Amino acid sequence: MAVNNSLSASSRGQSVGLTAYLTQDAVKKQINSVVGGKNGTRFISSIVSAVQTTPALQDCTNPSILSAALLGEALNLSPSPQLGQFYMVPFDNKKKGCKEAQFQLGYKGYIQLAIRSGYYKKLNVLSIKEGELVRYDPLDEEIEVNLIEDDIVREDTPTSGYYAMFEYENGFRKTMYWSKKKMMAHAEKYSFAFYKNGGGKSLELIEQGKIPEKDMWKYSSFWFKDFDGMAMKTMLRQLISKWGIMSIELQTAIDKDMAVIHEDGTPEYVENDAQASDDNVVSDQEFNEVQDKPSQADTNEGVAEEMDNQMSIEEAFFHQS
């Protein structure tokens, strides 16, 4: 999962293109030692494809991209945006004065690793729509809902909360329900990117279509772009990390989620100084997410495109296929 120091010393910046970097003999040897010779070409193609999909990743250091990808490969997770299992997300490392790729686990990655462990008979997470919740009893952990039967109508109905549950093969069961209001408070507490750009108030304006298109680039946080997806990841993380049995793979994924993976395999977390990690859980969101501002030419023409520095919501982060 790590990149040898000798491989990264000459590639701290982007003086060497990613494709050329990945096809260097020393780098290919490192890749093959993790993925195997037969899978090396497939692995390299998947990295190049992910970087092409995410313009801001092209400015990240080659070793950070490779290390994030190798970690995902070691966990047997796919970087495919359509599968949504893990992502390489560009971040500004202000201490180093460069951009680096962070490893981020998608909520589908949590599900894959949990199911693969063999402990879980059932595992589910979903958004609860307005009018569906009848009651939730936190003491007995029982929920009563009347789900909207029409999938199209349900998809267009605003979300009011989130539910997650698991059941072990031995019968032990744990459930959790958070209202959307509680989730927004969580996002504002742990995501500086969400908080500094208006938090829940801005999210409501976005959902109501009241933010001009030319200003949407400011709201690049995934909490703005796919609040439900981030919420479901948070629910699984809270549920499994506090009450679930975790395999070595799952522990590794959670420990290194939201981190830049260094050459020696150690993680570095980008944290907000004001963050209060009272539950010893790494923040569920980015703090120095790269933002692609509209060009001066676009500004002069009065047209600002929404620049996705990671992957578009429709094609990538937490997208439910």
Protein backbone atom coordinates (compact mmCIF):
# COMPACT_ATOMS: atom_id res chain seq x y z
CA MET A 1 0.00 0.00 0.00
CA ALA A 2 2.98 2.28 0.30
CA VAL A 3 5.26 3.76 -2.32
CA ASN A 4 8.98 3.37 -1.79
CA ASN A 5 10.76 6.60 -0.89
CA SER A 6 13.11 6.07 -3.82
CA LEU A 7 10.15 6.13 -6.17
CA SER A 8 8.66 9.32 -4.86
CA ALA A 9 11.78 11.40 -4.34
CA SER A 10 11.86 12.58 -7.95
CA SER A 11 8.09 12.89 -8.24
CA ARG A 12 6.97 15.12 -5.39
CA GLY A 13 5.48 17.47 -7.91
CA GLN A 14 4.00 16.75 -11.29
CA SER A 15 7.22 17.12 -13.31
CA VAL A 16 6.58 13.55 -14.44
CA GLY A 17 3.17 12.85 -15.96
CA LEU A 18 1.07 10.25 -14.16
CA THR A 19 1.05 7.76 -17.03
CA ALA A 20 4.82 8.05 -17.46
CA TYR A 21 5.29 7.77 -13.70
CA LEU A 22 3.17 4.63 -13.42
CA THR A 23 5.01 2.94 -16.28
CA GLN A 24 8.48 3.46 -14.81
CA ASP A 25 10.13 0.12 -14.13
CA ALA A 26 10.58 0.76 -10.41
CA VAL A 27 6.96 1.87 -10.00
CA LYS A 28 5.62 -1.07 -12.02
CA LYS A 29 7.63 -3.41 -9.80
CA GLN A 30 6.05 -1.80 -6.72
CA ILE A 31 2.57 -2.13 -8.24
CA ASN A 32 3.08 -5.74 -9.26
CA SER A 33 4.22 -6.63 -5.73
CA VAL A 34 0.76 -5.59 -4.47
CA VAL A 35 -1.63 -6.43 -7.30
CA GLY A 36 0.30 -9.16 -9.10
CA GLY A 37 1.76 -9.10 -12.58
CA LYS A 38 -1.45 -10.11 -14.33
CA ASN A 39 -3.43 -7.28 -12.77
CA GLY A 40 -0.86 -4.51 -13.18
CA THR A 41 -2.18 -3.22 -16.49
CA ARG A 42 -5.78 -3.19 -15.23
CA PHE A 43 -4.74 -1.36 -12.06
CA ILE A 44 -2.81 1.33 -13.97
CA SER A 45 -5.72 1.84 -16.36
CA SER A 46 -8.14 2.30 -13.46
CA ILE A 47 -5.93 4.98 -11.88
CA VAL A 48 -5.47 6.89 -15.12
CA SER A 49 -9.23 6.74 -15.77
CA ALA A 50 -10.05 8.05 -12.27
CA VAL A 51 -7.61 10.95 -12.64
CA GLN A 52 -8.98 11.86 -16.06
CA THR A 53 -12.47 11.96 -14.55
CA THR A 54 -11.31 14.28 -11.77
CA PRO A 55 -9.44 17.32 -13.14
CA ALA A 56 -8.15 18.48 -9.75
CA LEU A 57 -6.44 15.11 -9.19
CA GLN A 58 -4.14 15.95 -12.07
CA ASP A 59 -2.46 18.53 -9.83
CA CYS A 60 -1.88 16.05 -6.99
CA THR A 61 1.49 14.43 -6.38
CA ASN A 62 1.94 11.14 -8.19
CA PRO A 63 3.02 9.18 -5.06
CA SER A 64 -0.12 10.25 -3.13
CA ILE A 65 -2.35 9.13 -6.00
CA LEU A 66 -0.59 5.79 -6.24
CA SER A 67 -0.59 5.16 -2.48
CA ALA A 68 -4.34 5.89 -2.20
CA ALA A 69 -5.04 3.58 -5.13
CA LEU A 70 -2.84 0.81 -3.73
CA LEU A 71 -4.67 0.95 -0.41
CA GLY A 72 -7.97 0.53 -2.18
CA GLU A 73 -6.55 -2.36 -4.20
CA ALA A 74 -5.18 -4.03 -1.06
CA LEU A 75 -8.69 -3.85 0.42
CA ASN A 76 -10.04 -5.40 -2.81
CA LEU A 77 -12.19 -2.33 -3.50
CA SER A 78 -12.78 -0.77 -6.89
CA PRO A 79 -12.03 2.91 -7.69
CA SER A 80 -14.80 2.85 -10.30
CA PRO A 81 -17.10 5.87 -9.83
CA GLN A 82 -20.09 3.72 -10.76
CA LEU A 83 -19.41 1.29 -7.91
CA GLY A 84 -18.70 3.99 -5.33
CA GLN A 85 -16.53 1.87 -3.04
CA PHE A 86 -13.61 4.25 -2.54
CA TYR A 87 -12.33 7.52 -3.96
CA MET A 88 -9.09 9.39 -4.46
CA VAL A 89 -9.95 12.95 -3.47
CA PRO A 90 -7.69 15.99 -4.05
CA PHE A 91 -6.78 18.12 -1.04
CA ASP A 92 -4.58 21.13 -0.43
CA ASN A 93 -1.74 20.26 1.94
CA LYS A 94 -0.90 23.76 3.09
CA LYS A 95 2.00 22.55 5.23
CA LYS A 96 3.74 21.03 2.23
CA GLY A 97 2.53 23.60 -0.27
CA CYS A 98 1.15 21.00 -2.67
CA LYS A 99 -1.96 19.06 -3.54
CA GLU A 100 -2.26 15.43 -2.47
CA ALA A 101 -4.79 12.68 -3.04
CA GLN A 102 -6.63 11.36 -0.02
CA PHE A 103 -8.13 7.90 0.31
CA GLN A 104 -11.85 8.13 1.04
CA LEU A 105 -14.06 5.13 1.69
CA GLY A 106 -17.54 5.26 0.14
CA TYR A 107 -20.54 3.95 2.01
CA LYS A 108 -20.74 1.07 -0.45
CA GLY A 109 -17.17 0.24 0.54
CA TYR A 110 -18.26 -0.01 4.18
CA ILE A 111 -21.01 -2.41 3.14
CA GLN A 112 -18.66 -4.52 1.01
CA LEU A 113 -16.07 -4.89 3.76
CA ALA A 114 -18.65 -5.62 6.45
CA ILE A 115 -20.41 -8.29 4.40
CA ARG A 116 -17.08 -9.81 3.41
CA SER A 117 -16.15 -10.24 7.09
CA GLY A 118 -18.81 -12.93 7.46
CA TYR A 119 -20.18 -11.57 10.74
CA TYR A 120 -23.24 -9.82 9.35
CA LYS A 121 -26.49 -11.50 8.39
CA LYS A 122 -28.15 -8.19 7.55
CA LEU A 123 -26.79 -4.71 6.95
CA ASN A 124 -28.81 -1.77 5.70
CA VAL A 125 -28.81 2.02 5.52
CA LEU A 126 -31.35 4.27 3.85
CA SER A 127 -32.85 7.73 3.92
CA ILE A 128 -36.30 8.16 5.42
CA LYS A 129 -38.56 10.50 3.47
CA GLU A 130 -40.99 13.09 4.82
CA GLY A 131 -44.19 11.45 6.03
CA GLU A 132 -42.72 7.94 6.22
CA LEU A 133 -41.60 7.79 9.87
CA VAL A 134 -44.35 6.76 12.25
CA ARG A 135 -42.11 6.35 15.32
CA TYR A 136 -38.63 5.32 16.42
CA ASP A 137 -38.11 3.94 19.91
CA PRO A 138 -34.43 4.46 20.89
CA LEU A 139 -34.80 2.26 23.98
CA ASP A 140 -35.99 -0.87 22.19
CA GLU A 141 -34.46 0.33 18.90
CA GLU A 142 -37.68 -0.35 17.02
CA ILE A 143 -38.74 1.67 14.00
CA GLU A 144 -42.16 1.91 12.37
CA VAL A 145 -42.44 3.43 8.91
CA ASN A 146 -44.87 3.64 6.02
CA LEU A 147 -42.58 3.72 3.02
CA ILE A 148 -43.75 5.44 -0.14
CA GLU A 149 -44.41 2.63 -2.61
CA ASP A 150 -43.87 4.58 -5.82
CA ASP A 151 -40.07 4.70 -6.27
CA ILE A 152 -40.19 7.79 -8.48
CA VAL A 153 -42.37 9.71 -6.03
CA ARG A 154 -40.21 8.54 -3.13
CA GLU A 155 -37.01 9.68 -4.82
CA ASP A 156 -38.43 13.16 -5.35
CA THR A 157 -39.70 13.45 -1.75
CA PRO A 158 -37.46 15.44 0.65
CA THR A 159 -35.49 13.45 3.22
CA SER A 160 -36.39 13.81 6.90
CA GLY A 161 -33.95 11.35 8.50
CA TYR A 162 -31.63 8.36 8.18
CA TYR A 163 -31.81 4.77 9.41
CA ALA A 164 -29.08 2.15 9.68
CA MET A 165 -29.07 -1.35 11.12
CA PHE A 166 -27.11 -4.58 11.27
CA GLU A 167 -27.80 -8.07 12.50
CA TYR A 168 -25.11 -10.64 13.23
CA GLU A 169 -25.33 -14.26 12.21
CA ASN A 170 -25.79 -15.04 15.93
CA GLY A 171 -28.88 -12.82 16.13
CA PHE A 172 -27.44 -9.71 17.80
CA ARG A 173 -29.08 -6.64 16.27
CA LYS A 174 -28.30 -2.91 16.43
CA THR A 175 -30.19 -0.01 14.88
CA MET A 176 -29.80 3.75 14.74
CA TYR A 177 -31.94 6.65 13.52
CA TRP A 178 -30.90 10.29 13.10
CA SER A 179 -33.12 13.12 11.99
CA LYS A 180 -31.85 15.25 9.12
CA LYS A 181 -31.59 18.15 11.58
CA LYS A 182 -29.22 16.10 13.76
CA MET A 183 -27.20 15.10 10.71
CA MET A 184 -26.83 18.73 9.62
CA ALA A 185 -25.61 19.63 13.12
CA HIS A 186 -23.06 16.80 12.85
CA ALA A 187 -21.90 18.06 9.45
CA GLU A 188 -21.52 21.62 10.73
CA LYS A 189 -19.51 20.37 13.71
CA TYR A 190 -17.14 18.08 11.84
CA SER A 191 -16.93 19.66 8.39
CA PHE A 192 -15.32 23.07 8.25
CA ALA A 193 -15.98 23.17 4.49
CA PHE A 194 -19.71 22.76 5.17
CA TYR A 195 -19.81 25.10 8.15
CA LYS A 196 -17.87 27.99 6.60
CA ASN A 197 -20.16 28.09 3.55
CA GLY A 198 -23.42 28.40 5.47
CA GLY A 199 -24.04 24.82 6.57
CA GLY A 200 -27.68 23.78 6.82
CA LYS A 201 -29.03 27.16 5.71
CA SER A 202 -27.07 27.04 2.46
CA LEU A 203 -28.06 23.40 1.93
CA GLU A 204 -31.74 24.35 2.15
CA LEU A 205 -31.24 27.12 -0.41
CA ILE A 206 -29.47 24.71 -2.74
CA GLU A 207 -32.24 22.14 -2.39
CA GLN A 208 -34.78 24.86 -3.17
CA GLY A 209 -32.80 25.95 -6.24
CA LYS A 210 -32.19 29.42 -4.84
CA ILE A 211 -28.40 29.48 -5.29
CA PRO A 212 -27.40 30.99 -8.68
CA GLU A 213 -25.57 28.57 -10.95
CA LYS A 214 -22.62 30.96 -11.16
CA ASP A 215 -22.10 30.62 -7.38
CA MET A 216 -22.41 26.84 -7.12
CA TRP A 217 -18.64 26.31 -7.40
CA LYS A 218 -18.38 27.62 -3.84
CA TYR A 219 -20.33 24.63 -2.54
CA SER A 220 -17.93 21.87 -3.59
CA SER A 221 -18.18 20.05 -0.24
CA PHE A 222 -19.77 16.64 -0.64
CA TRP A 223 -22.13 17.60 2.16
CA PHE A 224 -23.60 20.11 -0.29
CA LYS A 225 -23.31 17.99 -3.43
CA ASP A 226 -24.69 14.75 -1.99
CA PHE A 227 -25.87 15.24 1.57
CA ASP A 228 -27.80 11.96 1.65
CA GLY A 229 -24.76 9.99 0.48
CA MET A 230 -22.51 11.58 3.11
CA ALA A 231 -25.22 11.01 5.73
CA MET A 232 -25.47 7.30 4.93
CA LYS A 233 -21.71 6.93 5.16
CA THR A 234 -21.81 8.68 8.55
CA MET A 235 -24.57 6.38 9.79
CA LEU A 236 -22.62 3.26 8.85
CA ARG A 237 -19.42 4.64 10.32
CA GLN A 238 -21.09 5.50 13.62
CA LEU A 239 -22.94 2.19 13.79
CA ILE A 240 -20.13 -0.17 12.81
CA SER A 241 -17.22 1.59 14.52
CA LYS A 242 -19.07 1.78 17.87
CA TRP A 243 -21.03 -1.48 17.97
CA GLY A 244 -19.95 -3.66 15.08
CA ILE A 245 -17.39 -6.44 14.83
CA MET A 246 -14.71 -5.26 12.44
CA SER A 247 -12.41 -7.42 10.36
CA ILE A 248 -8.77 -6.37 9.94
CA GLU A 249 -9.66 -5.03 6.48
CA LEU A 250 -12.52 -2.94 7.87
CA GLN A 251 -10.37 -1.60 10.70
CA THR A 252 -7.68 -0.61 8.19
CA ALA A 253 -10.21 1.11 5.96
CA ILE A 254 -11.73 3.09 8.83
CA ASP A 255 -8.32 4.01 10.29
CA LYS A 256 -7.08 5.33 6.94
CA ASP A 257 -10.31 6.84 5.67
CA MET A 258 -9.95 10.57 4.90
CA ALA A 259 -6.15 10.32 5.00
CA VAL A 260 -3.22 10.95 2.70
CA ILE A 261 -1.23 7.70 2.64
CA HIS A 262 2.49 8.32 2.93
CA GLU A 263 5.28 6.36 1.30
CA ASP A 264 5.74 4.22 4.40
CA GLY A 265 2.03 3.44 4.59
CA THR A 266 1.25 5.77 7.51
CA PRO A 267 -1.85 7.98 7.22
CA GLU A 268 -1.92 11.78 7.58
CA TYR A 269 -5.28 13.35 8.34
CA VAL A 270 -6.20 16.84 7.18
CA GLU A 271 -7.93 18.28 10.20
CA ASN A 272 -9.57 21.53 11.14
CA ASP A 273 -8.08 23.06 14.29
CA ALA A 274 -11.57 23.79 15.59
CA GLN A 275 -12.70 20.19 15.22
CA ALA A 276 -13.75 18.46 18.40
CA SER A 277 -13.21 14.72 17.98
CA ASP A 278 -14.93 13.79 21.20
CA ASP A 279 -15.98 10.40 19.90
CA ASN A 280 -12.48 9.49 18.65
CA VAL A 281 -13.89 9.09 15.15
CA VAL A 282 -12.04 10.79 12.32
CA SER A 283 -14.11 13.55 10.73
CA ASP A 284 -16.59 12.44 8.12
CA GLN A 285 -15.70 15.20 5.72
CA GLU A 286 -12.91 17.12 4.09
CA PHE A 287 -11.34 20.28 5.49
CA ASN A 288 -9.09 21.57 2.71
CA GLU A 289 -10.97 20.26 -0.28
CA VAL A 290 -9.63 21.61 -3.55
CA GLN A 291 -12.01 24.03 -5.22
CA ASP A 292 -11.84 24.84 -8.91
CA LYS A 293 -12.95 28.46 -9.24
CA PRO A 294 -14.43 29.72 -12.51
CA SER A 295 -11.91 31.25 -14.88
CA GLN A 296 -11.64 35.00 -15.30
CA ALA A 297 -13.01 34.63 -18.83
CA ASP A 298 -16.11 32.87 -17.54
CA THR A 299 -16.52 35.52 -14.85
CA ASN A 300 -16.30 38.32 -17.41
CA GLU A 301 -19.00 36.64 -19.48
CA GLY A 302 -21.15 36.20 -16.40
CA VAL A 303 -21.07 32.43 -16.74
CA ALA A 304 -19.66 30.23 -13.98
CA GLU A 305 -19.57 26.50 -14.41
CA GLU A 306 -19.79 24.21 -11.40
CA MET A 307 -16.36 22.69 -11.23
CA ASP A 308 -16.21 19.24 -9.64
CA ASN A 309 -12.74 18.83 -8.19
CA GLN A 310 -13.60 15.29 -7.27
CA MET A 311 -16.22 13.37 -9.24
CA SER A 312 -19.71 14.50 -10.22
CA ILE A 313 -22.50 13.37 -7.93
CA GLU A 314 -24.28 11.63 -10.79
CA GLU A 315 -21.23 9.54 -11.66
CA ALA A 316 -19.23 9.24 -8.51
CA PHE A 317 -19.29 10.01 -4.83
CA PHE A 318 -21.87 7.79 -3.06
CA HIS A 319 -23.88 7.44 -6.27
CA GLN A 320 -26.41 4.65 -5.89
CA SER A 321 -26.61 2.56 -9.00
